[in-house]
Amino acid sequence: MMAMFSYVNARYLNGKGQGIVEYALILAFVIAVAAALLAGGDIRTAVTNIFTNVANALTDNASATTPTTGP
């Protein structure tokens, strides 16, 4: 009986469980963000605007730095 307790303690009750908890918390955060985005409202609009602004800035920057050929 003591050997079984020692095995369970070594296998499941040490620091290895911390990784599983961290992954579960990250997954819960991702699900909460996805639910907020799918529900619509201000968060969805704000995120859409941010991505649009970044895409526009990258497009403007790429066209401004494109070298032109000679005459």
PDB file of N, CA and C in Angstrom:
ATOM      1  N   MET A   1       0.828  -1.190   0.000  1.00  0.00           N
ATOM      2  CA  MET A   1       0.000   0.000   0.000  1.00  0.00           C
ATOM      3  C   MET A   1       0.870   1.251   0.000  1.00  0.00           C
ATOM      4  N   MET A   2       1.937   1.222   0.761  1.00  0.00           N
ATOM      5  CA  MET A   2       2.822   2.375   0.835  1.00  0.00           C
ATOM      6  C   MET A   2       3.540   2.595  -0.489  1.00  0.00           C
ATOM      7  N   ALA A   3       3.859   1.499  -1.187  1.00  0.00           N
ATOM      8  CA  ALA A   3       4.515   1.619  -2.483  1.00  0.00           C
ATOM      9  C   ALA A   3       3.573   2.277  -3.496  1.00  0.00           C
ATOM     10  N   MET A   4       2.280   1.937  -3.428  1.00  0.00           N
ATOM     11  CA  MET A   4       1.320   2.543  -4.337  1.00  0.00           C
ATOM     12  C   MET A   4       1.170   4.034  -4.048  1.00  0.00           C
ATOM     13  N   PHE A   5       1.138   4.414  -2.790  1.00  0.00           N
ATOM     14  CA  PHE A   5       1.046   5.815  -2.409  1.00  0.00           C
ATOM     15  C   PHE A   5       2.278   6.580  -2.882  1.00  0.00           C
ATOM     16  N   SER A   6       3.431   5.980  -2.731  1.00  0.00           N
ATOM     17  CA  SER A   6       4.661   6.627  -3.181  1.00  0.00           C
ATOM     18  C   SER A   6       4.651   6.810  -4.698  1.00  0.00           C
ATOM     19  N   TYR A   7       4.150   5.809  -5.421  1.00  0.00           N
ATOM     20  CA  TYR A   7       4.080   5.912  -6.874  1.00  0.00           C
ATOM     21  C   TYR A   7       3.121   7.028  -7.295  1.00  0.00           C
ATOM     22  N   VAL A   8       1.934   7.056  -6.696  1.00  0.00           N
ATOM     23  CA  VAL A   8       0.949   8.097  -7.035  1.00  0.00           C
ATOM     24  C   VAL A   8       1.505   9.469  -6.695  1.00  0.00           C
ATOM     25  N   ASN A   9       2.162   9.584  -5.560  1.00  0.00           N
ATOM     26  CA  ASN A   9       2.732  10.860  -5.149  1.00  0.00           C
ATOM     27  C   ASN A   9       3.812  11.309  -6.131  1.00  0.00           C
ATOM     28  N   ALA A  10       4.673  10.399  -6.533  1.00  0.00           N
ATOM     29  CA  ALA A  10       5.753  10.752  -7.453  1.00  0.00           C
ATOM     30  C   ALA A  10       5.220  11.037  -8.855  1.00  0.00           C
ATOM     31  N   ARG A  11       4.188  10.321  -9.229  1.00  0.00           N
ATOM     32  CA  ARG A  11       3.696  10.433 -10.607  1.00  0.00           C
ATOM     33  C   ARG A  11       2.770  11.620 -10.820  1.00  0.00           C
ATOM     34  N   TYR A  12       1.877  11.889  -9.886  1.00  0.00           N
ATOM     35  CA  TYR A  12       0.823  12.862 -10.135  1.00  0.00           C
ATOM     36  C   TYR A  12       0.831  14.077  -9.221  1.00  0.00           C
ATOM     37  N   LEU A  13       1.489  14.018  -8.121  1.00  0.00           N
ATOM     38  CA  LEU A  13       1.401  15.118  -7.170  1.00  0.00           C
ATOM     39  C   LEU A  13       2.652  15.982  -7.134  1.00  0.00           C
ATOM     40  N   ASN A  14       3.534  15.839  -8.074  1.00  0.00           N
ATOM     41  CA  ASN A  14       4.720  16.680  -8.091  1.00  0.00           C
ATOM     42  C   ASN A  14       4.505  17.857  -9.041  1.00  0.00           C
ATOM     43  N   GLY A  15       5.550  18.537  -9.450  1.00  0.00           N
ATOM     44  CA  GLY A  15       5.457  19.737 -10.268  1.00  0.00           C
ATOM     45  C   GLY A  15       5.013  19.520 -11.691  1.00  0.00           C
ATOM     46  N   LYS A  16       4.905  18.273 -12.143  1.00  0.00           N
ATOM     47  CA  LYS A  16       4.494  18.030 -13.525  1.00  0.00           C
ATOM     48  C   LYS A  16       3.062  18.473 -13.786  1.00  0.00           C
ATOM     49  N   GLY A  17       2.237  18.463 -12.771  1.00  0.00           N
ATOM     50  CA  GLY A  17       0.851  18.891 -12.929  1.00  0.00           C
ATOM     51  C   GLY A  17       0.728  20.375 -13.190  1.00  0.00           C
ATOM     52  N   GLN A  18       1.759  21.128 -12.866  1.00  0.00           N
ATOM     53  CA  GLN A  18       1.729  22.572 -13.066  1.00  0.00           C
ATOM     54  C   GLN A  18       1.594  22.905 -14.548  1.00  0.00           C
ATOM     55  N   GLY A  19       2.270  22.161 -15.405  1.00  0.00           N
ATOM     56  CA  GLY A  19       2.190  22.407 -16.841  1.00  0.00           C
ATOM     57  C   GLY A  19       0.788  22.217 -17.380  1.00  0.00           C
ATOM     58  N   ILE A  20       0.108  21.195 -16.898  1.00  0.00           N
ATOM     59  CA  ILE A  20      -1.256  20.931 -17.340  1.00  0.00           C
ATOM     60  C   ILE A  20      -2.176  22.062 -16.916  1.00  0.00           C
ATOM     61  N   VAL A  21      -1.997  22.545 -15.704  1.00  0.00           N
ATOM     62  CA  VAL A  21      -2.819  23.652 -15.214  1.00  0.00           C
ATOM     63  C   VAL A  21      -2.561  24.907 -16.037  1.00  0.00           C
ATOM     64  N   GLU A  22      -1.314  25.165 -16.370  1.00  0.00           N
ATOM     65  CA  GLU A  22      -0.988  26.348 -17.175  1.00  0.00           C
ATOM     66  C   GLU A  22      -1.627  26.249 -18.553  1.00  0.00           C
ATOM     67  N   TYR A  23      -1.554  25.083 -19.188  1.00  0.00           N
ATOM     68  CA  TYR A  23      -2.191  24.904 -20.488  1.00  0.00           C
ATOM     69  C   TYR A  23      -3.701  25.076 -20.388  1.00  0.00           C
ATOM     70  N   ALA A  24      -4.292  24.585 -19.319  1.00  0.00           N
ATOM     71  CA  ALA A  24      -5.737  24.738 -19.136  1.00  0.00           C
ATOM     72  C   ALA A  24      -6.109  26.209 -18.973  1.00  0.00           C
ATOM     73  N   LEU A  25      -5.296  26.970 -18.252  1.00  0.00           N
ATOM     74  CA  LEU A  25      -5.577  28.397 -18.091  1.00  0.00           C
ATOM     75  C   LEU A  25      -5.433  29.153 -19.404  1.00  0.00           C
ATOM     76  N   ILE A  26      -4.424  28.800 -20.188  1.00  0.00           N
ATOM     77  CA  ILE A  26      -4.250  29.439 -21.499  1.00  0.00           C
ATOM     78  C   ILE A  26      -5.436  29.113 -22.400  1.00  0.00           C
ATOM     79  N   LEU A  27      -5.862  27.855 -22.393  1.00  0.00           N
ATOM     80  CA  LEU A  27      -7.000  27.448 -23.201  1.00  0.00           C
ATOM     81  C   LEU A  27      -8.263  28.198 -22.777  1.00  0.00           C
ATOM     82  N   ALA A  28      -8.473  28.348 -21.478  1.00  0.00           N
ATOM     83  CA  ALA A  28      -9.637  29.082 -20.982  1.00  0.00           C
ATOM     84  C   ALA A  28      -9.583  30.543 -21.432  1.00  0.00           C
ATOM     85  N   PHE A  29      -8.394  31.141 -21.418  1.00  0.00           N
ATOM     86  CA  PHE A  29      -8.244  32.525 -21.866  1.00  0.00           C
ATOM     87  C   PHE A  29      -8.562  32.652 -23.351  1.00  0.00           C
ATOM     88  N   VAL A  30      -8.063  31.732 -24.152  1.00  0.00           N
ATOM     89  CA  VAL A  30      -8.322  31.766 -25.598  1.00  0.00           C
ATOM     90  C   VAL A  30      -9.815  31.594 -25.867  1.00  0.00           C
ATOM     91  N   ILE A  31     -10.466  30.711 -25.145  1.00  0.00           N
ATOM     92  CA  ILE A  31     -11.904  30.506 -25.330  1.00  0.00           C
ATOM     93  C   ILE A  31     -12.678  31.756 -24.931  1.00  0.00           C
ATOM     94  N   ALA A  32     -12.267  32.411 -23.855  1.00  0.00           N
ATOM     95  CA  ALA A  32     -12.949  33.633 -23.425  1.00  0.00           C
ATOM     96  C   ALA A  32     -12.793  34.738 -24.463  1.00  0.00           C
ATOM     97  N   VAL A  33     -11.610  34.888 -25.022  1.00  0.00           N
ATOM     98  CA  VAL A  33     -11.395  35.908 -26.054  1.00  0.00           C
ATOM     99  C   VAL A  33     -12.207  35.587 -27.300  1.00  0.00           C
ATOM    100  N   ALA A  34     -12.215  34.319 -27.702  1.00  0.00           N
ATOM    101  CA  ALA A  34     -12.987  33.922 -28.883  1.00  0.00           C
ATOM    102  C   ALA A  34     -14.480  34.159 -28.661  1.00  0.00           C
ATOM    103  N   ALA A  35     -14.970  33.866 -27.484  1.00  0.00           N
ATOM    104  CA  ALA A  35     -16.388  34.090 -27.190  1.00  0.00           C
ATOM    105  C   ALA A  35     -16.713  35.581 -27.228  1.00  0.00           C
ATOM    106  N   ALA A  36     -15.809  36.404 -26.715  1.00  0.00           N
ATOM    107  CA  ALA A  36     -16.037  37.851 -26.739  1.00  0.00           C
ATOM    108  C   ALA A  36     -16.041  38.374 -28.169  1.00  0.00           C
ATOM    109  N   LEU A  37     -15.165  37.842 -29.013  1.00  0.00           N
ATOM    110  CA  LEU A  37     -15.112  38.292 -30.403  1.00  0.00           C
ATOM    111  C   LEU A  37     -16.341  37.842 -31.185  1.00  0.00           C
ATOM    112  N   LEU A  38     -16.804  36.635 -30.919  1.00  0.00           N
ATOM    113  CA  LEU A  38     -17.967  36.125 -31.638  1.00  0.00           C
ATOM    114  C   LEU A  38     -19.262  36.772 -31.177  1.00  0.00           C
ATOM    115  N   ALA A  39     -19.269  37.271 -29.951  1.00  0.00           N
ATOM    116  CA  ALA A  39     -20.471  37.904 -29.426  1.00  0.00           C
ATOM    117  C   ALA A  39     -20.693  39.273 -30.060  1.00  0.00           C
ATOM    118  N   GLY A  40     -19.674  39.800 -30.718  1.00  0.00           N
ATOM    119  CA  GLY A  40     -19.807  41.108 -31.354  1.00  0.00           C
ATOM    120  C   GLY A  40     -19.579  42.214 -30.347  1.00  0.00           C
ATOM    121  N   GLY A  41     -19.917  43.393 -30.741  1.00  0.00           N
ATOM    122  CA  GLY A  41     -19.780  44.519 -29.837  1.00  0.00           C
ATOM    123  C   GLY A  41     -18.493  45.280 -30.048  1.00  0.00           C
ATOM    124  N   ASP A  42     -18.104  46.017 -29.047  1.00  0.00           N
ATOM    125  CA  ASP A  42     -16.972  46.923 -29.148  1.00  0.00           C
ATOM    126  C   ASP A  42     -15.634  46.200 -29.281  1.00  0.00           C
ATOM    127  N   ILE A  43     -15.499  45.057 -28.657  1.00  0.00           N
ATOM    128  CA  ILE A  43     -14.216  44.342 -28.719  1.00  0.00           C
ATOM    129  C   ILE A  43     -13.948  43.896 -30.150  1.00  0.00           C
ATOM    130  N   ARG A  44     -14.967  43.358 -30.790  1.00  0.00           N
ATOM    131  CA  ARG A  44     -14.795  42.882 -32.159  1.00  0.00           C
ATOM    132  C   ARG A  44     -14.424  44.036 -33.091  1.00  0.00           C
ATOM    133  N   THR A  45     -15.087  45.160 -32.934  1.00  0.00           N
ATOM    134  CA  THR A  45     -14.804  46.320 -33.763  1.00  0.00           C
ATOM    135  C   THR A  45     -13.396  46.832 -33.519  1.00  0.00           C
ATOM    136  N   ALA A  46     -12.989  46.876 -32.262  1.00  0.00           N
ATOM    137  CA  ALA A  46     -11.653  47.369 -31.930  1.00  0.00           C
ATOM    138  C   ALA A  46     -10.565  46.476 -32.514  1.00  0.00           C
ATOM    139  N   VAL A  47     -10.731  45.170 -32.402  1.00  0.00           N
ATOM    140  CA  VAL A  47      -9.727  44.247 -32.944  1.00  0.00           C
ATOM    141  C   VAL A  47      -9.687  44.340 -34.461  1.00  0.00           C
ATOM    142  N   THR A  48     -10.846  44.447 -35.094  1.00  0.00           N
ATOM    143  CA  THR A  48     -10.890  44.588 -36.550  1.00  0.00           C
ATOM    144  C   THR A  48     -10.186  45.862 -36.988  1.00  0.00           C
ATOM    145  N   ASN A  49     -10.415  46.945 -36.272  1.00  0.00           N
ATOM    146  CA  ASN A  49      -9.771  48.213 -36.613  1.00  0.00           C
ATOM    147  C   ASN A  49      -8.254  48.132 -36.449  1.00  0.00           C
ATOM    148  N   ILE A  50      -7.800  47.460 -35.418  1.00  0.00           N
ATOM    149  CA  ILE A  50      -6.360  47.331 -35.193  1.00  0.00           C
ATOM    150  C   ILE A  50      -5.712  46.570 -36.340  1.00  0.00           C
ATOM    151  N   PHE A  51      -6.302  45.442 -36.729  1.00  0.00           N
ATOM    152  CA  PHE A  51      -5.731  44.661 -37.823  1.00  0.00           C
ATOM    153  C   PHE A  51      -5.781  45.424 -39.147  1.00  0.00           C
ATOM    154  N   THR A  52      -6.844  46.168 -39.366  1.00  0.00           N
ATOM    155  CA  THR A  52      -6.949  46.973 -40.581  1.00  0.00           C
ATOM    156  C   THR A  52      -5.884  48.054 -40.605  1.00  0.00           C
ATOM    157  N   ASN A  53      -5.678  48.721 -39.475  1.00  0.00           N
ATOM    158  CA  ASN A  53      -4.652  49.763 -39.404  1.00  0.00           C
ATOM    159  C   ASN A  53      -3.259  49.197 -39.629  1.00  0.00           C
ATOM    160  N   VAL A  54      -2.982  48.040 -39.054  1.00  0.00           N
ATOM    161  CA  VAL A  54      -1.664  47.420 -39.243  1.00  0.00           C
ATOM    162  C   VAL A  54      -1.473  47.022 -40.700  1.00  0.00           C
ATOM    163  N   ALA A  55      -2.498  46.436 -41.315  1.00  0.00           N
ATOM    164  CA  ALA A  55      -2.391  46.037 -42.718  1.00  0.00           C
ATOM    165  C   ALA A  55      -2.183  47.255 -43.617  1.00  0.00           C
ATOM    166  N   ASN A  56      -2.885  48.333 -43.344  1.00  0.00           N
ATOM    167  CA  ASN A  56      -2.721  49.552 -44.134  1.00  0.00           C
ATOM    168  C   ASN A  56      -1.323  50.143 -43.952  1.00  0.00           C
ATOM    169  N   ALA A  57      -0.821  50.128 -42.723  1.00  0.00           N
ATOM    170  CA  ALA A  57       0.515  50.669 -42.472  1.00  0.00           C
ATOM    171  C   ALA A  57       1.575  49.837 -43.185  1.00  0.00           C
ATOM    172  N   LEU A  58       1.415  48.523 -43.181  1.00  0.00           N
ATOM    173  CA  LEU A  58       2.377  47.669 -43.874  1.00  0.00           C
ATOM    174  C   LEU A  58       2.315  47.878 -45.384  1.00  0.00           C
ATOM    175  N   THR A  59       1.119  48.035 -45.912  1.00  0.00           N
ATOM    176  CA  THR A  59       0.962  48.263 -47.347  1.00  0.00           C
ATOM    177  C   THR A  59       1.569  49.608 -47.743  1.00  0.00           C
ATOM    178  N   ASP A  60       1.299  50.649 -46.954  1.00  0.00           N
ATOM    179  CA  ASP A  60       1.852  51.970 -47.240  1.00  0.00           C
ATOM    180  C   ASP A  60       3.371  51.960 -47.148  1.00  0.00           C
ATOM    181  N   ASN A  61       3.898  51.273 -46.146  1.00  0.00           N
ATOM    182  CA  ASN A  61       5.340  51.210 -45.957  1.00  0.00           C
ATOM    183  C   ASN A  61       6.000  50.431 -47.090  1.00  0.00           C
ATOM    184  N   ALA A  62       5.370  49.368 -47.538  1.00  0.00           N
ATOM    185  CA  ALA A  62       5.940  48.556 -48.619  1.00  0.00           C
ATOM    186  C   ALA A  62       5.956  49.336 -49.932  1.00  0.00           C
ATOM    187  N   SER A  63       4.903  50.096 -50.197  1.00  0.00           N
ATOM    188  CA  SER A  63       4.860  50.847 -51.439  1.00  0.00           C
ATOM    189  C   SER A  63       5.795  52.050 -51.389  1.00  0.00           C
ATOM    190  N   ALA A  64       6.049  52.594 -50.205  1.00  0.00           N
ATOM    191  CA  ALA A  64       6.945  53.739 -50.078  1.00  0.00           C
ATOM    192  C   ALA A  64       8.411  53.328 -50.218  1.00  0.00           C
ATOM    193  N   THR A  65       8.740  52.096 -49.891  1.00  0.00           N
ATOM    194  CA  THR A  65      10.136  51.656 -49.946  1.00  0.00           C
ATOM    195  C   THR A  65      10.456  50.855 -51.190  1.00  0.00           C
ATOM    196  N   THR A  66       9.490  50.695 -52.092  1.00  0.00           N
ATOM    197  CA  THR A  66       9.744  49.951 -53.324  1.00  0.00           C
ATOM    198  C   THR A  66      10.628  50.793 -54.233  1.00  0.00           C
ATOM    199  N   PRO A  67      11.781  50.248 -54.629  1.00  0.00           N
ATOM    200  CA  PRO A  67      12.676  51.043 -55.479  1.00  0.00           C
ATOM    201  C   PRO A  67      12.095  51.179 -56.882  1.00  0.00           C
ATOM    202  N   THR A  68      12.360  52.323 -57.458  1.00  0.00           N
ATOM    203  CA  THR A  68      11.903  52.556 -58.826  1.00  0.00           C
ATOM    204  C   THR A  68      13.055  52.301 -59.783  1.00  0.00           C
ATOM    205  N   THR A  69      12.724  51.924 -60.977  1.00  0.00           N
ATOM    206  CA  THR A  69      13.764  51.673 -61.979  1.00  0.00           C
ATOM    207  C   THR A  69      14.100  52.982 -62.679  1.00  0.00           C
ATOM    208  N   GLY A  70      15.205  52.969 -63.335  1.00  0.00           N
ATOM    209  CA  GLY A  70      15.692  54.173 -64.022  1.00  0.00           C
ATOM    210  C   GLY A  70      14.835  54.539 -65.224  1.00  0.00           C
ATOM    211  N   PRO A  71      15.163  55.668 -65.884  1.00  0.00           N
ATOM    212  CA  PRO A  71      14.358  56.177 -67.003  1.00  0.00           C
ATOM    213  C   PRO A  71      14.387  55.319 -68.207  1.00  0.00           C
TER     214      PRO A  71
END
